[in-house]
Amino acid sequence: MTELLHAALNWPTLPATVLLAICVLYWLCVMVGALDIDIFDFDLDLEVGGDKPSVLDFGFIGLRFLNLGEVPVMFWLSIFSLSMWALSVNFDANVEIQSFVDYLPLFLRNLGISLVVVKLITQPFRGAFRYKPPNEIETLLGKSCHVTSSSVTEKYGQAELETEGAPLKLHIRSEDETIQKGDLVRLTDYNQETQAFYVVKINQES
């Protein structure tokens, strides 16, 4: 135990120990409720060719490959720091560091191995932590709802869609003037400009 503490608190393991200690302190604070679990998480825009600037525009395409942004930052950093620390404790504890030149090869070796480790461990979790807003347009299309307005026209109409919570109130449009209050209709399309759904009467579909 004494040898482990000595190795962890001295070069070349000390930087990895500090990073790991920060991650451990973070998770302890999360467990006792002192910190929100996503306080240090941020949305990395990793899409190429989007309308807004992306970190990929600056050459950091490797971030996506390493799953940084696909999993919570602190989850990723915790695995990375633990790998760096374990490698340094096991392989570098008896290495004497006289200068930064002596430390650099060890750091680069541990960095490379740790990036592979964190890639492999986080790969199964890609997208698992991504928040999916409820009631997205794509998920609503094809569902049925009841008309609540007196009628539905090309310019006006309202409906309610039953959900697990409160009913979702929707603006709807239709060229079928026979649709009346209480009719069951299906959402077939969405107009971004008017923010209204186009509907068809279910009993009139072939």
N, C-alpha and C. Protein backbone atom coordinates (compact mmCIF):
# COMPACT_ATOMS: atom_id res chain seq x y z
N MET A 1 0.82 -1.20 0.00
CA MET A 1 0.00 0.00 0.00
C MET A 1 0.85 1.25 0.00
N THR A 2 1.94 1.21 0.81
CA THR A 2 2.85 2.35 0.86
C THR A 2 3.53 2.58 -0.48
N GLU A 3 3.91 1.49 -1.13
CA GLU A 3 4.55 1.61 -2.44
C GLU A 3 3.59 2.19 -3.47
N LEU A 4 2.31 1.78 -3.37
CA LEU A 4 1.30 2.31 -4.31
C LEU A 4 1.11 3.80 -4.12
N LEU A 5 1.01 4.24 -2.86
CA LEU A 5 0.86 5.67 -2.59
C LEU A 5 2.08 6.45 -3.04
N HIS A 6 3.25 5.87 -2.81
CA HIS A 6 4.48 6.55 -3.22
C HIS A 6 4.52 6.71 -4.74
N ALA A 7 4.13 5.65 -5.45
CA ALA A 7 4.12 5.70 -6.92
C ALA A 7 3.08 6.68 -7.43
N ALA A 8 1.90 6.69 -6.78
CA ALA A 8 0.81 7.55 -7.24
C ALA A 8 1.08 9.02 -7.01
N LEU A 9 1.84 9.34 -5.96
CA LEU A 9 2.06 10.74 -5.59
C LEU A 9 3.39 11.29 -6.07
N ASN A 10 4.05 10.55 -6.91
CA ASN A 10 5.33 11.01 -7.45
C ASN A 10 5.35 10.86 -8.97
N TRP A 11 6.28 11.55 -9.60
CA TRP A 11 6.42 11.44 -11.05
C TRP A 11 6.92 10.05 -11.39
N PRO A 12 6.47 9.53 -12.55
CA PRO A 12 5.66 10.18 -13.58
C PRO A 12 4.15 9.95 -13.44
N THR A 13 3.69 9.38 -12.34
CA THR A 13 2.27 9.05 -12.18
C THR A 13 1.46 10.21 -11.64
N LEU A 14 2.11 11.20 -11.04
CA LEU A 14 1.41 12.29 -10.37
C LEU A 14 0.36 12.98 -11.24
N PRO A 15 0.65 13.36 -12.49
CA PRO A 15 -0.40 14.02 -13.31
C PRO A 15 -1.65 13.16 -13.48
N ALA A 16 -1.45 11.86 -13.71
CA ALA A 16 -2.60 10.97 -13.86
C ALA A 16 -3.36 10.83 -12.55
N THR A 17 -2.65 10.84 -11.43
CA THR A 17 -3.28 10.76 -10.11
C THR A 17 -4.17 11.98 -9.87
N VAL A 18 -3.66 13.17 -10.23
CA VAL A 18 -4.42 14.40 -10.05
C VAL A 18 -5.70 14.37 -10.88
N LEU A 19 -5.58 13.95 -12.14
CA LEU A 19 -6.74 13.87 -13.02
C LEU A 19 -7.76 12.87 -12.50
N LEU A 20 -7.29 11.71 -12.05
CA LEU A 20 -8.18 10.70 -11.50
C LEU A 20 -8.85 11.19 -10.22
N ALA A 21 -8.10 11.92 -9.39
CA ALA A 21 -8.66 12.44 -8.14
C ALA A 21 -9.79 13.43 -8.42
N ILE A 22 -9.62 14.24 -9.47
CA ILE A 22 -10.67 15.19 -9.84
C ILE A 22 -11.94 14.45 -10.25
N CYS A 23 -11.78 13.38 -11.01
CA CYS A 23 -12.94 12.59 -11.44
C CYS A 23 -13.62 11.91 -10.26
N VAL A 24 -12.83 11.36 -9.34
CA VAL A 24 -13.39 10.71 -8.16
C VAL A 24 -14.15 11.72 -7.30
N LEU A 25 -13.56 12.91 -7.13
CA LEU A 25 -14.22 13.96 -6.35
C LEU A 25 -15.53 14.37 -7.00
N TYR A 26 -15.54 14.44 -8.32
CA TYR A 26 -16.77 14.79 -9.04
C TYR A 26 -17.87 13.77 -8.77
N TRP A 27 -17.55 12.46 -8.88
CA TRP A 27 -18.56 11.44 -8.69
C TRP A 27 -19.02 11.38 -7.23
N LEU A 28 -18.13 11.66 -6.29
CA LEU A 28 -18.54 11.72 -4.89
C LEU A 28 -19.53 12.86 -4.66
N CYS A 29 -19.25 14.00 -5.28
CA CYS A 29 -20.16 15.15 -5.15
C CYS A 29 -21.51 14.86 -5.79
N VAL A 30 -21.50 14.12 -6.90
CA VAL A 30 -22.75 13.74 -7.55
C VAL A 30 -23.56 12.81 -6.65
N MET A 31 -22.88 11.86 -6.02
CA MET A 31 -23.58 10.88 -5.17
C MET A 31 -24.21 11.52 -3.94
N VAL A 32 -23.55 12.55 -3.39
CA VAL A 32 -24.11 13.21 -2.20
C VAL A 32 -25.04 14.35 -2.57
N GLY A 33 -25.20 14.59 -3.88
CA GLY A 33 -26.13 15.62 -4.33
C GLY A 33 -25.56 17.01 -4.38
N ALA A 34 -24.25 17.15 -4.21
CA ALA A 34 -23.64 18.48 -4.23
C ALA A 34 -23.49 19.02 -5.64
N LEU A 35 -23.46 18.12 -6.64
CA LEU A 35 -23.32 18.53 -8.03
C LEU A 35 -24.35 17.80 -8.88
N ASP A 36 -24.79 18.47 -9.94
CA ASP A 36 -25.66 17.83 -10.92
C ASP A 36 -24.78 16.96 -11.81
N ILE A 37 -25.26 15.81 -12.19
CA ILE A 37 -24.44 14.86 -12.94
C ILE A 37 -24.00 15.40 -14.29
N ASP A 38 -24.78 16.33 -14.87
CA ASP A 38 -24.41 16.85 -16.19
C ASP A 38 -23.86 18.27 -16.13
N ILE A 39 -23.33 18.69 -14.98
CA ILE A 39 -22.85 20.06 -14.84
C ILE A 39 -21.69 20.38 -15.77
N PHE A 40 -20.85 19.38 -16.03
CA PHE A 40 -19.70 19.60 -16.89
C PHE A 40 -19.90 19.08 -18.30
N ASP A 41 -21.10 18.56 -18.57
CA ASP A 41 -21.37 18.07 -19.92
C ASP A 41 -21.78 19.21 -20.82
N PHE A 42 -21.35 19.13 -22.05
CA PHE A 42 -21.72 20.14 -23.03
C PHE A 42 -21.92 19.47 -24.37
N ASP A 43 -22.68 20.13 -25.21
CA ASP A 43 -23.06 19.55 -26.50
C ASP A 43 -22.00 19.87 -27.53
N LEU A 44 -21.28 18.84 -27.97
CA LEU A 44 -20.30 19.02 -29.02
C LEU A 44 -20.98 18.81 -30.36
N ASP A 45 -20.97 19.84 -31.20
CA ASP A 45 -21.59 19.73 -32.52
C ASP A 45 -20.63 18.99 -33.43
N LEU A 46 -20.86 17.69 -33.61
CA LEU A 46 -19.94 16.86 -34.36
C LEU A 46 -20.45 16.54 -35.76
N GLU A 47 -21.45 17.28 -36.21
CA GLU A 47 -22.00 17.03 -37.54
C GLU A 47 -21.24 17.85 -38.59
N VAL A 48 -20.92 17.20 -39.69
CA VAL A 48 -20.23 17.87 -40.78
C VAL A 48 -21.23 18.46 -41.75
N GLY A 49 -20.96 19.68 -42.21
CA GLY A 49 -21.81 20.29 -43.21
C GLY A 49 -23.06 20.93 -42.67
N GLY A 50 -23.14 21.18 -41.37
CA GLY A 50 -24.30 21.83 -40.80
C GLY A 50 -24.26 23.32 -41.02
N ASP A 51 -25.35 23.99 -40.62
CA ASP A 51 -25.42 25.43 -40.79
C ASP A 51 -24.59 26.17 -39.75
N LYS A 52 -24.41 25.60 -38.57
CA LYS A 52 -23.65 26.26 -37.53
C LYS A 52 -22.24 25.69 -37.46
N PRO A 53 -21.29 26.46 -36.90
CA PRO A 53 -19.90 26.00 -36.84
C PRO A 53 -19.79 24.69 -36.06
N SER A 54 -18.90 23.85 -36.51
CA SER A 54 -18.66 22.57 -35.87
C SER A 54 -17.20 22.46 -35.49
N VAL A 55 -16.92 21.73 -34.40
CA VAL A 55 -15.53 21.53 -34.03
C VAL A 55 -14.79 20.75 -35.11
N LEU A 56 -15.53 20.01 -35.93
CA LEU A 56 -14.90 19.28 -37.02
C LEU A 56 -14.30 20.24 -38.05
N ASP A 57 -14.84 21.44 -38.13
CA ASP A 57 -14.32 22.43 -39.07
C ASP A 57 -12.89 22.82 -38.71
N PHE A 58 -12.49 22.58 -37.49
CA PHE A 58 -11.15 22.94 -37.03
C PHE A 58 -10.22 21.72 -36.95
N GLY A 59 -10.64 20.64 -37.53
CA GLY A 59 -9.75 19.50 -37.64
C GLY A 59 -9.85 18.48 -36.53
N PHE A 60 -10.84 18.58 -35.63
CA PHE A 60 -10.92 17.64 -34.52
C PHE A 60 -11.88 16.50 -34.82
N ILE A 61 -11.73 15.92 -35.99
CA ILE A 61 -12.63 14.83 -36.38
C ILE A 61 -12.42 13.60 -35.51
N GLY A 62 -11.24 13.49 -34.89
CA GLY A 62 -10.97 12.35 -34.03
C GLY A 62 -11.86 12.29 -32.81
N LEU A 63 -12.44 13.42 -32.41
CA LEU A 63 -13.32 13.43 -31.24
C LEU A 63 -14.51 12.51 -31.44
N ARG A 64 -15.07 12.51 -32.62
CA ARG A 64 -16.21 11.64 -32.89
C ARG A 64 -15.79 10.18 -32.86
N PHE A 65 -14.63 9.89 -33.44
CA PHE A 65 -14.14 8.51 -33.46
C PHE A 65 -13.91 7.99 -32.05
N LEU A 66 -13.45 8.86 -31.16
CA LEU A 66 -13.17 8.46 -29.78
C LEU A 66 -14.40 8.51 -28.88
N ASN A 67 -15.56 8.84 -29.48
CA ASN A 67 -16.85 8.87 -28.76
C ASN A 67 -16.99 10.04 -27.80
N LEU A 68 -16.09 11.02 -27.89
CA LEU A 68 -16.24 12.20 -27.05
C LEU A 68 -17.34 13.06 -27.64
N GLY A 69 -18.40 13.24 -26.88
CA GLY A 69 -19.60 13.89 -27.38
C GLY A 69 -20.73 12.90 -27.59
N GLU A 70 -20.36 11.63 -27.75
CA GLU A 70 -21.36 10.58 -27.87
C GLU A 70 -21.75 10.04 -26.50
N VAL A 71 -20.87 10.22 -25.52
CA VAL A 71 -21.13 9.83 -24.13
C VAL A 71 -20.84 11.04 -23.26
N PRO A 72 -21.37 11.09 -22.02
CA PRO A 72 -21.09 12.23 -21.15
C PRO A 72 -19.59 12.46 -20.97
N VAL A 73 -19.19 13.72 -20.97
CA VAL A 73 -17.78 14.08 -20.91
C VAL A 73 -17.10 13.50 -19.67
N MET A 74 -17.75 13.61 -18.50
CA MET A 74 -17.12 13.13 -17.28
C MET A 74 -17.04 11.60 -17.24
N PHE A 75 -17.98 10.92 -17.86
CA PHE A 75 -17.91 9.47 -17.99
C PHE A 75 -16.71 9.09 -18.83
N TRP A 76 -16.53 9.79 -19.95
CA TRP A 76 -15.40 9.55 -20.84
C TRP A 76 -14.09 9.86 -20.13
N LEU A 77 -14.03 11.00 -19.46
CA LEU A 77 -12.80 11.43 -18.80
C LEU A 77 -12.44 10.51 -17.64
N SER A 78 -13.43 9.97 -16.95
CA SER A 78 -13.16 9.08 -15.83
C SER A 78 -12.48 7.79 -16.30
N ILE A 79 -12.99 7.23 -17.40
CA ILE A 79 -12.37 6.02 -17.95
C ILE A 79 -10.96 6.32 -18.44
N PHE A 80 -10.81 7.46 -19.10
CA PHE A 80 -9.50 7.85 -19.62
C PHE A 80 -8.49 8.03 -18.50
N SER A 81 -8.88 8.76 -17.45
CA SER A 81 -7.95 9.03 -16.35
C SER A 81 -7.59 7.75 -15.59
N LEU A 82 -8.55 6.85 -15.40
CA LEU A 82 -8.27 5.60 -14.72
C LEU A 82 -7.29 4.75 -15.53
N SER A 83 -7.45 4.75 -16.84
CA SER A 83 -6.54 4.00 -17.69
C SER A 83 -5.14 4.60 -17.64
N MET A 84 -5.04 5.92 -17.73
CA MET A 84 -3.74 6.59 -17.66
C MET A 84 -3.05 6.28 -16.33
N TRP A 85 -3.82 6.34 -15.25
CA TRP A 85 -3.26 6.11 -13.92
C TRP A 85 -2.79 4.66 -13.76
N ALA A 86 -3.61 3.72 -14.19
CA ALA A 86 -3.26 2.31 -14.06
C ALA A 86 -2.01 1.97 -14.86
N LEU A 87 -1.91 2.49 -16.05
CA LEU A 87 -0.73 2.24 -16.88
C LEU A 87 0.53 2.81 -16.23
N SER A 88 0.42 4.03 -15.74
CA SER A 88 1.59 4.68 -15.14
C SER A 88 2.03 3.98 -13.86
N VAL A 89 1.07 3.59 -13.02
CA VAL A 89 1.41 2.91 -11.77
C VAL A 89 2.08 1.56 -12.03
N ASN A 90 1.59 0.84 -13.03
CA ASN A 90 2.10 -0.51 -13.27
C ASN A 90 3.39 -0.55 -14.07
N PHE A 91 3.60 0.43 -14.94
CA PHE A 91 4.76 0.36 -15.83
C PHE A 91 5.81 1.45 -15.60
N ASP A 92 5.43 2.53 -14.92
CA ASP A 92 6.36 3.65 -14.81
C ASP A 92 6.79 3.97 -13.39
N ALA A 93 6.35 3.17 -12.42
CA ALA A 93 6.61 3.50 -11.02
C ALA A 93 8.09 3.57 -10.69
N ASN A 94 8.89 2.77 -11.36
CA ASN A 94 10.32 2.73 -11.06
C ASN A 94 11.17 3.53 -12.03
N VAL A 95 10.52 4.27 -12.90
CA VAL A 95 11.25 5.09 -13.87
C VAL A 95 11.63 6.42 -13.24
N GLU A 96 12.87 6.79 -13.36
CA GLU A 96 13.34 8.06 -12.81
C GLU A 96 13.16 9.16 -13.86
N ILE A 97 12.51 10.23 -13.44
CA ILE A 97 12.25 11.35 -14.33
C ILE A 97 13.15 12.52 -13.94
N GLN A 98 14.02 12.87 -14.85
CA GLN A 98 14.92 13.98 -14.60
C GLN A 98 14.46 15.27 -15.29
N SER A 99 13.73 15.10 -16.38
CA SER A 99 13.28 16.26 -17.14
C SER A 99 12.02 15.90 -17.91
N PHE A 100 11.45 16.90 -18.55
CA PHE A 100 10.24 16.69 -19.33
C PHE A 100 10.51 15.74 -20.50
N VAL A 101 11.74 15.76 -20.99
CA VAL A 101 12.10 14.88 -22.11
C VAL A 101 11.98 13.42 -21.69
N ASP A 102 12.28 13.12 -20.43
CA ASP A 102 12.15 11.75 -19.93
C ASP A 102 10.67 11.36 -19.77
N TYR A 103 9.85 12.33 -19.43
CA TYR A 103 8.44 12.06 -19.16
C TYR A 103 7.62 11.93 -20.45
N LEU A 104 8.00 12.68 -21.48
CA LEU A 104 7.20 12.76 -22.70
C LEU A 104 6.94 11.40 -23.35
N PRO A 105 7.96 10.54 -23.55
CA PRO A 105 7.67 9.24 -24.19
C PRO A 105 6.70 8.39 -23.37
N LEU A 106 6.81 8.43 -22.05
CA LEU A 106 5.91 7.67 -21.20
C LEU A 106 4.48 8.20 -21.33
N PHE A 107 4.36 9.52 -21.35
CA PHE A 107 3.04 10.15 -21.48
C PHE A 107 2.40 9.79 -22.80
N LEU A 108 3.15 9.88 -23.88
CA LEU A 108 2.60 9.58 -25.21
C LEU A 108 2.18 8.12 -25.33
N ARG A 109 2.99 7.22 -24.75
CA ARG A 109 2.62 5.80 -24.77
C ARG A 109 1.33 5.56 -24.01
N ASN A 110 1.24 6.09 -22.79
CA ASN A 110 0.03 5.91 -21.98
C ASN A 110 -1.17 6.60 -22.60
N LEU A 111 -0.94 7.76 -23.22
CA LEU A 111 -2.02 8.47 -23.88
C LEU A 111 -2.61 7.64 -25.01
N GLY A 112 -1.74 7.08 -25.84
CA GLY A 112 -2.21 6.29 -26.97
C GLY A 112 -3.00 5.07 -26.54
N ILE A 113 -2.46 4.35 -25.54
CA ILE A 113 -3.14 3.16 -25.05
C ILE A 113 -4.47 3.52 -24.40
N SER A 114 -4.49 4.61 -23.63
CA SER A 114 -5.71 5.02 -22.93
C SER A 114 -6.80 5.44 -23.90
N LEU A 115 -6.43 6.06 -25.00
CA LEU A 115 -7.42 6.45 -26.00
C LEU A 115 -8.06 5.22 -26.64
N VAL A 116 -7.26 4.18 -26.84
CA VAL A 116 -7.80 2.93 -27.38
C VAL A 116 -8.74 2.29 -26.36
N VAL A 117 -8.33 2.29 -25.09
CA VAL A 117 -9.14 1.70 -24.03
C VAL A 117 -10.47 2.42 -23.90
N VAL A 118 -10.43 3.76 -23.86
CA VAL A 118 -11.67 4.52 -23.69
C VAL A 118 -12.57 4.38 -24.91
N LYS A 119 -11.98 4.23 -26.08
CA LYS A 119 -12.77 3.99 -27.28
C LYS A 119 -13.52 2.66 -27.20
N LEU A 120 -12.82 1.61 -26.78
CA LEU A 120 -13.43 0.29 -26.71
C LEU A 120 -14.51 0.22 -25.63
N ILE A 121 -14.25 0.85 -24.48
CA ILE A 121 -15.21 0.77 -23.37
C ILE A 121 -16.45 1.59 -23.65
N THR A 122 -16.29 2.77 -24.26
CA THR A 122 -17.44 3.65 -24.49
C THR A 122 -18.21 3.31 -25.76
N GLN A 123 -17.66 2.49 -26.63
CA GLN A 123 -18.32 2.18 -27.90
C GLN A 123 -19.74 1.64 -27.71
N PRO A 124 -19.96 0.70 -26.76
CA PRO A 124 -21.34 0.19 -26.60
C PRO A 124 -22.32 1.24 -26.07
N PHE A 125 -21.81 2.35 -25.54
CA PHE A 125 -22.68 3.36 -24.95
C PHE A 125 -22.97 4.52 -25.90
N ARG A 126 -22.49 4.43 -27.14
CA ARG A 126 -22.72 5.52 -28.10
C ARG A 126 -24.21 5.79 -28.27
N GLY A 127 -24.61 7.03 -28.00
CA GLY A 127 -25.99 7.43 -28.19
C GLY A 127 -26.92 7.04 -27.06
N ALA A 128 -26.44 6.20 -26.12
CA ALA A 128 -27.32 5.75 -25.04
C ALA A 128 -27.69 6.87 -24.09
N PHE A 129 -26.82 7.88 -23.99
CA PHE A 129 -27.07 8.97 -23.07
C PHE A 129 -27.67 10.19 -23.76
N ARG A 130 -27.88 10.08 -25.06
CA ARG A 130 -28.37 11.24 -25.81
C ARG A 130 -29.84 11.49 -25.51
N TYR A 131 -30.14 12.73 -25.19
CA TYR A 131 -31.52 13.09 -24.86
C TYR A 131 -32.36 13.18 -26.13
N LYS A 132 -33.48 12.50 -26.10
CA LYS A 132 -34.40 12.54 -27.23
C LYS A 132 -35.67 13.26 -26.80
N PRO A 133 -35.88 14.46 -27.31
CA PRO A 133 -37.08 15.22 -26.91
C PRO A 133 -38.35 14.45 -27.26
N PRO A 134 -39.32 14.48 -26.37
CA PRO A 134 -40.59 13.78 -26.66
C PRO A 134 -41.39 14.52 -27.72
N ASN A 135 -42.25 13.79 -28.38
CA ASN A 135 -43.19 14.39 -29.34
C ASN A 135 -42.49 15.12 -30.48
N GLU A 136 -41.41 14.55 -31.00
CA GLU A 136 -40.79 15.12 -32.18
C GLU A 136 -41.70 14.92 -33.39
N ILE A 137 -41.57 15.80 -34.36
CA ILE A 137 -42.45 15.77 -35.54
C ILE A 137 -42.41 14.39 -36.21
N GLU A 138 -41.20 13.85 -36.37
CA GLU A 138 -41.06 12.57 -37.08
C GLU A 138 -41.79 11.43 -36.37
N THR A 139 -41.83 11.51 -35.03
CA THR A 139 -42.49 10.45 -34.28
C THR A 139 -44.01 10.60 -34.25
N LEU A 140 -44.49 11.81 -34.53
CA LEU A 140 -45.93 12.05 -34.50
C LEU A 140 -46.60 11.69 -35.82
N LEU A 141 -45.87 11.82 -36.92
CA LEU A 141 -46.47 11.51 -38.22
C LEU A 141 -46.93 10.06 -38.27
N GLY A 142 -48.14 9.88 -38.76
CA GLY A 142 -48.72 8.54 -38.84
C GLY A 142 -49.64 8.22 -37.68
N LYS A 143 -49.60 9.03 -36.63
CA LYS A 143 -50.47 8.78 -35.48
C LYS A 143 -51.84 9.39 -35.72
N SER A 144 -52.80 8.91 -34.96
CA SER A 144 -54.18 9.40 -35.11
C SER A 144 -54.55 10.29 -33.94
N CYS A 145 -55.46 11.21 -34.18
CA CYS A 145 -55.91 12.12 -33.14
C CYS A 145 -57.37 12.53 -33.42
N HIS A 146 -58.00 13.15 -32.45
CA HIS A 146 -59.39 13.56 -32.59
C HIS A 146 -59.49 15.06 -32.83
N VAL A 147 -60.35 15.43 -33.75
CA VAL A 147 -60.57 16.84 -34.07
C VAL A 147 -61.34 17.50 -32.93
N THR A 148 -60.86 18.65 -32.50
CA THR A 148 -61.53 19.38 -31.41
C THR A 148 -62.18 20.67 -31.90
N SER A 149 -61.79 21.14 -33.07
CA SER A 149 -62.43 22.34 -33.63
C SER A 149 -63.71 21.94 -34.35
N SER A 150 -64.57 22.92 -34.64
CA SER A 150 -65.85 22.62 -35.28
C SER A 150 -65.66 22.03 -36.67
N SER A 151 -64.59 22.40 -37.33
CA SER A 151 -64.29 21.86 -38.66
C SER A 151 -62.80 22.01 -38.92
N VAL A 152 -62.37 21.44 -40.04
CA VAL A 152 -60.95 21.54 -40.45
C VAL A 152 -60.91 22.01 -41.89
N THR A 153 -60.16 23.06 -42.13
CA THR A 153 -60.02 23.62 -43.48
C THR A 153 -58.55 23.72 -43.85
N GLU A 154 -58.27 24.37 -44.98
CA GLU A 154 -56.90 24.58 -45.42
C GLU A 154 -56.19 25.62 -44.55
N LYS A 155 -56.98 26.39 -43.79
CA LYS A 155 -56.38 27.47 -43.00
C LYS A 155 -56.57 27.32 -41.50
N TYR A 156 -57.42 26.41 -41.09
CA TYR A 156 -57.69 26.32 -39.66
C TYR A 156 -58.11 24.90 -39.26
N GLY A 157 -57.77 24.54 -38.05
CA GLY A 157 -58.19 23.26 -37.50
C GLY A 157 -57.36 22.93 -36.27
N GLN A 158 -57.99 22.26 -35.33
CA GLN A 158 -57.29 21.85 -34.12
C GLN A 158 -57.67 20.42 -33.76
N ALA A 159 -56.72 19.75 -33.09
CA ALA A 159 -56.96 18.36 -32.70
C ALA A 159 -56.18 18.07 -31.42
N GLU A 160 -56.55 16.97 -30.78
CA GLU A 160 -55.85 16.52 -29.58
C GLU A 160 -55.32 15.11 -29.80
N LEU A 161 -54.06 14.94 -29.45
CA LEU A 161 -53.42 13.64 -29.57
C LEU A 161 -53.18 13.08 -28.17
N GLU A 162 -53.71 11.90 -27.91
CA GLU A 162 -53.54 11.28 -26.59
C GLU A 162 -52.09 10.85 -26.40
N THR A 163 -51.51 11.22 -25.26
CA THR A 163 -50.15 10.82 -24.89
C THR A 163 -50.19 10.19 -23.50
N GLU A 164 -49.02 9.81 -23.00
CA GLU A 164 -48.95 9.24 -21.66
C GLU A 164 -49.29 10.28 -20.61
N GLY A 165 -49.04 11.55 -20.94
CA GLY A 165 -49.38 12.63 -20.02
C GLY A 165 -50.64 13.34 -20.48
N ALA A 166 -50.58 14.66 -20.46
CA ALA A 166 -51.72 15.46 -20.92
C ALA A 166 -51.84 15.36 -22.44
N PRO A 167 -53.06 15.45 -22.98
CA PRO A 167 -53.25 15.41 -24.43
C PRO A 167 -52.45 16.53 -25.12
N LEU A 168 -51.92 16.20 -26.29
CA LEU A 168 -51.12 17.16 -27.05
C LEU A 168 -52.04 17.90 -28.02
N LYS A 169 -52.09 19.23 -27.88
CA LYS A 169 -52.94 20.04 -28.76
C LYS A 169 -52.17 20.39 -30.03
N LEU A 170 -52.78 20.12 -31.18
CA LEU A 170 -52.12 20.31 -32.46
C LEU A 170 -52.93 21.22 -33.37
N HIS A 171 -52.21 21.97 -34.19
CA HIS A 171 -52.84 22.72 -35.28
C HIS A 171 -52.85 21.82 -36.51
N ILE A 172 -54.00 21.67 -37.13
CA ILE A 172 -54.12 20.77 -38.27
C ILE A 172 -54.75 21.49 -39.46
N ARG A 173 -54.49 20.95 -40.64
CA ARG A 173 -55.04 21.50 -41.89
C ARG A 173 -55.47 20.33 -42.77
N SER A 174 -56.47 20.58 -43.62
CA SER A 174 -56.93 19.55 -44.54
C SER A 174 -57.70 20.17 -45.68
N GLU A 175 -57.65 19.52 -46.85
CA GLU A 175 -58.45 19.95 -47.99
C GLU A 175 -59.82 19.28 -47.97
N ASP A 176 -60.02 18.34 -47.07
CA ASP A 176 -61.29 17.63 -46.97
C ASP A 176 -62.21 18.41 -46.02
N GLU A 177 -63.15 19.12 -46.58
CA GLU A 177 -64.03 19.97 -45.78
C GLU A 177 -65.10 19.19 -45.02
N THR A 178 -65.12 17.86 -45.19
CA THR A 178 -66.13 17.07 -44.48
C THR A 178 -65.66 16.68 -43.07
N ILE A 179 -64.42 16.97 -42.75
CA ILE A 179 -63.91 16.64 -41.42
C ILE A 179 -64.55 17.56 -40.39
N GLN A 180 -65.15 16.95 -39.38
CA GLN A 180 -65.85 17.73 -38.37
C GLN A 180 -65.32 17.38 -36.96
N LYS A 181 -65.83 18.10 -36.00
CA LYS A 181 -65.43 17.88 -34.61
C LYS A 181 -65.72 16.44 -34.17
N GLY A 182 -64.74 15.84 -33.53
CA GLY A 182 -64.90 14.46 -33.06
C GLY A 182 -64.40 13.42 -34.02
N ASP A 183 -64.13 13.80 -35.29
CA ASP A 183 -63.64 12.83 -36.26
C ASP A 183 -62.22 12.38 -35.90
N LEU A 184 -61.92 11.15 -36.27
CA LEU A 184 -60.58 10.61 -36.07
C LEU A 184 -59.77 10.82 -37.34
N VAL A 185 -58.63 11.47 -37.21
CA VAL A 185 -57.80 11.78 -38.38
C VAL A 185 -56.38 11.28 -38.14
N ARG A 186 -55.65 11.16 -39.24
CA ARG A 186 -54.25 10.72 -39.15
C ARG A 186 -53.33 11.84 -39.63
N LEU A 187 -52.24 12.01 -38.91
CA LEU A 187 -51.25 13.03 -39.27
C LEU A 187 -50.40 12.50 -40.41
N THR A 188 -50.40 13.21 -41.53
CA THR A 188 -49.70 12.71 -42.71
C THR A 188 -48.49 13.54 -43.10
N ASP A 189 -48.48 14.81 -42.73
CA ASP A 189 -47.36 15.69 -43.13
C ASP A 189 -47.31 16.87 -42.18
N TYR A 190 -46.22 17.65 -42.26
CA TYR A 190 -46.07 18.80 -41.37
C TYR A 190 -45.51 19.97 -42.16
N ASN A 191 -46.08 21.15 -41.93
CA ASN A 191 -45.64 22.37 -42.58
C ASN A 191 -44.85 23.21 -41.57
N GLN A 192 -43.56 23.37 -41.82
CA GLN A 192 -42.72 24.11 -40.89
C GLN A 192 -43.12 25.58 -40.81
N GLU A 193 -43.55 26.15 -41.91
CA GLU A 193 -43.88 27.58 -41.93
C GLU A 193 -45.12 27.88 -41.07
N THR A 194 -46.15 27.08 -41.22
CA THR A 194 -47.38 27.32 -40.47
C THR A 194 -47.41 26.55 -39.15
N GLN A 195 -46.43 25.63 -38.99
CA GLN A 195 -46.36 24.78 -37.79
C GLN A 195 -47.68 24.03 -37.57
N ALA A 196 -48.19 23.50 -38.68
CA ALA A 196 -49.45 22.76 -38.63
C ALA A 196 -49.28 21.42 -39.35
N PHE A 197 -50.05 20.43 -38.89
CA PHE A 197 -50.04 19.11 -39.50
C PHE A 197 -51.14 19.00 -40.55
N TYR A 198 -50.84 18.30 -41.63
CA TYR A 198 -51.87 17.95 -42.59
C TYR A 198 -52.45 16.60 -42.18
N VAL A 199 -53.76 16.48 -42.30
CA VAL A 199 -54.42 15.26 -41.84
C VAL A 199 -55.37 14.73 -42.88
N VAL A 200 -55.69 13.46 -42.73
CA VAL A 200 -56.73 12.83 -43.56
C VAL A 200 -57.66 12.08 -42.60
N LYS A 201 -58.92 12.02 -43.01
CA LYS A 201 -59.90 11.31 -42.20
C LYS A 201 -59.67 9.81 -42.33
N ILE A 202 -59.56 9.13 -41.23
CA ILE A 202 -59.16 7.73 -41.26
C ILE A 202 -60.16 6.85 -41.99
N ASN A 203 -61.46 7.06 -41.78
CA ASN A 203 -62.44 6.19 -42.42
C ASN A 203 -62.59 6.46 -43.91
N GLN A 204 -61.86 7.44 -44.45
CA GLN A 204 -61.90 7.73 -45.89
C GLN A 204 -60.67 7.20 -46.60
N GLU A 205 -59.71 6.63 -45.81
CA GLU A 205 -58.51 6.11 -46.45
C GLU A 205 -58.82 4.77 -47.10
N SER A 206 -58.20 4.56 -48.18
CA SER A 206 -58.41 3.30 -48.91
C SER A 206 -57.40 2.27 -48.43
